[in-house]
Amino acid sequence: MSGDPSEEELEELRKKKMEQLKEQQGDDGEAQEAAKQQADAQKQAVLKQNLTDGARKRLNTVKMSKPQVGEQIEQQVVALAQSGRVQGQIDEDQMKELLSELTPDSKSFDIKRR
C-alpha cells in the first residue's frame, strides 16, 4: 500500500515541475520578444535618422518585393551608420548604388526560335 501513495506523489511532483517549466519558458519567450522589439525600434530609429524620404520609400519597396534583400540592406545601412561611415543622410541615388552592389546581377536569356 505504501507504493500507491508514493506514485501519486511522484505524479503530482511531475505535474508541478512541468507547470514551472512552462511558466519559465513563457517568461523567457516574453523577454526575448521584448528584446527583439527594442532592437527593431532602435534599427528603425537609425534608419529614419540616416535615410532621406526617397531612400526610405525605395527601401520599403524593395522589402515588399524581396524581404531578404531588404533586411540585408537595412543591416548594411545600420552597420555603416554605427561605424560612422555615413556622411549626412543616404539619398535615393546612394540607395540605388547600395542595392546594385548587394543584389546579384540578374541573368537574362535570349531565346531565338528558328
Protein backbone atom coordinates (compact mmCIF):
# COMPACT_ATOMS: atom_id res chain seq x y z
CA MET A 1 0.00 0.00 0.00
CA SER A 2 2.90 2.33 0.54
CA GLY A 3 3.68 2.02 -3.22
CA ASP A 4 0.45 3.66 -4.38
CA PRO A 5 0.74 6.93 -2.42
CA SER A 6 4.35 7.42 -3.49
CA GLU A 7 3.37 7.02 -7.16
CA GLU A 8 0.63 9.61 -6.71
CA GLU A 9 3.05 11.96 -5.00
CA LEU A 10 5.55 11.48 -7.79
CA GLU A 11 2.88 12.21 -10.37
CA GLU A 12 1.90 15.42 -8.54
CA LEU A 13 5.54 16.47 -8.36
CA ARG A 14 5.94 15.83 -12.10
CA LYS A 15 2.87 17.95 -12.87
CA LYS A 16 4.14 20.79 -10.69
CA LYS A 17 7.57 20.65 -12.31
CA MET A 18 6.03 20.69 -15.79
CA GLU A 19 3.93 23.74 -14.89
CA GLN A 20 7.02 25.52 -13.57
CA LEU A 21 8.94 24.75 -16.75
CA LYS A 22 6.08 26.02 -18.91
CA GLU A 23 5.94 29.27 -16.91
CA GLN A 24 9.70 29.75 -17.24
CA GLN A 25 9.54 29.19 -20.97
CA GLY A 26 6.72 31.71 -21.24
CA ASP A 27 8.75 34.29 -19.32
CA ASP A 28 11.82 33.66 -21.46
CA GLY A 29 9.74 33.99 -24.62
CA GLU A 30 8.30 37.30 -23.44
CA ALA A 31 11.77 38.61 -22.58
CA GLN A 32 13.10 37.57 -25.99
CA GLU A 33 10.13 39.18 -27.72
CA ALA A 34 10.65 42.42 -25.77
CA ALA A 35 14.36 42.44 -26.66
CA LYS A 36 13.53 41.81 -30.31
CA GLN A 37 11.03 44.69 -30.35
CA GLN A 38 13.54 47.01 -28.69
CA ALA A 39 16.25 46.09 -31.22
CA ASP A 40 13.81 46.63 -34.08
CA ALA A 41 12.82 50.03 -32.70
CA GLN A 42 16.48 51.04 -32.45
CA LYS A 43 17.11 49.86 -36.01
CA GLN A 44 14.13 51.86 -37.29
CA ALA A 45 15.37 54.97 -35.45
CA VAL A 46 18.83 54.64 -37.03
CA LEU A 47 17.29 54.14 -40.47
CA LYS A 48 14.99 57.14 -40.05
CA GLN A 49 17.91 59.29 -38.98
CA ASN A 50 20.23 58.24 -41.82
CA LEU A 51 17.88 57.86 -44.80
CA THR A 52 16.05 60.53 -46.78
CA ASP A 53 12.37 60.07 -47.56
CA GLY A 54 13.11 58.88 -51.09
CA ALA A 55 15.65 56.33 -49.87
CA ARG A 56 13.20 55.03 -47.24
CA LYS A 57 10.47 54.65 -49.87
CA ARG A 58 12.84 52.74 -52.14
CA LEU A 59 13.93 50.51 -49.26
CA ASN A 60 10.30 49.78 -48.33
CA THR A 61 9.54 48.92 -51.95
CA VAL A 62 12.47 46.50 -52.03
CA LYS A 63 11.39 44.96 -48.72
CA MET A 64 7.91 44.31 -50.10
CA SER A 65 9.16 42.56 -53.21
CA LYS A 66 12.26 40.87 -51.73
CA PRO A 67 12.15 40.76 -47.90
CA GLN A 68 15.55 39.09 -47.52
CA VAL A 69 17.29 41.68 -49.67
CA GLY A 70 15.51 44.46 -47.78
CA GLU A 71 16.72 43.08 -44.45
CA GLN A 72 20.25 42.81 -45.82
CA ILE A 73 20.17 46.44 -46.98
CA GLU A 74 18.80 47.59 -43.60
CA GLN A 75 21.59 45.75 -41.78
CA GLN A 76 24.16 47.28 -44.12
CA VAL A 77 22.85 50.82 -43.56
CA VAL A 78 22.78 50.33 -39.77
CA ALA A 79 26.34 48.97 -39.83
CA LEU A 80 27.51 51.93 -41.91
CA ALA A 81 25.81 54.38 -39.57
CA GLN A 82 27.19 52.77 -36.43
CA SER A 83 30.71 52.71 -37.81
CA GLY A 84 30.46 56.42 -38.67
CA ARG A 85 30.94 55.97 -42.40
CA VAL A 86 27.67 57.71 -43.30
CA GLN A 87 28.17 61.37 -44.08
CA GLY A 88 24.86 63.18 -43.81
CA GLN A 89 21.88 61.18 -45.00
CA ILE A 90 21.74 58.48 -47.64
CA ASP A 91 19.69 59.75 -50.54
CA GLU A 92 17.86 57.80 -53.21
CA ASP A 93 20.83 57.69 -55.61
CA GLN A 94 23.11 56.30 -52.91
CA MET A 95 20.42 53.75 -52.04
CA LYS A 96 20.36 52.67 -55.70
CA GLU A 97 24.13 52.16 -55.54
CA LEU A 98 23.82 50.07 -52.37
CA LEU A 99 21.10 47.98 -53.97
CA SER A 100 23.12 47.40 -57.12
CA GLU A 101 26.17 46.38 -55.06
CA LEU A 102 24.31 43.97 -52.82
CA THR A 103 21.97 42.36 -55.32
CA PRO A 104 23.44 39.93 -57.83
CA ASP A 105 23.07 40.75 -61.47
CA SER A 106 20.06 39.04 -62.92
CA LYS A 107 20.84 36.92 -65.90
CA SER A 108 18.77 37.44 -68.99
CA PHE A 109 18.30 34.82 -71.61
CA ASP A 110 17.52 35.46 -75.22
CA ILE A 111 15.54 32.68 -76.81
CA LYS A 112 15.77 32.54 -80.55
CA ARG A 113 13.28 30.48 -82.44
CA ARG A 114 14.01 29.04 -85.82
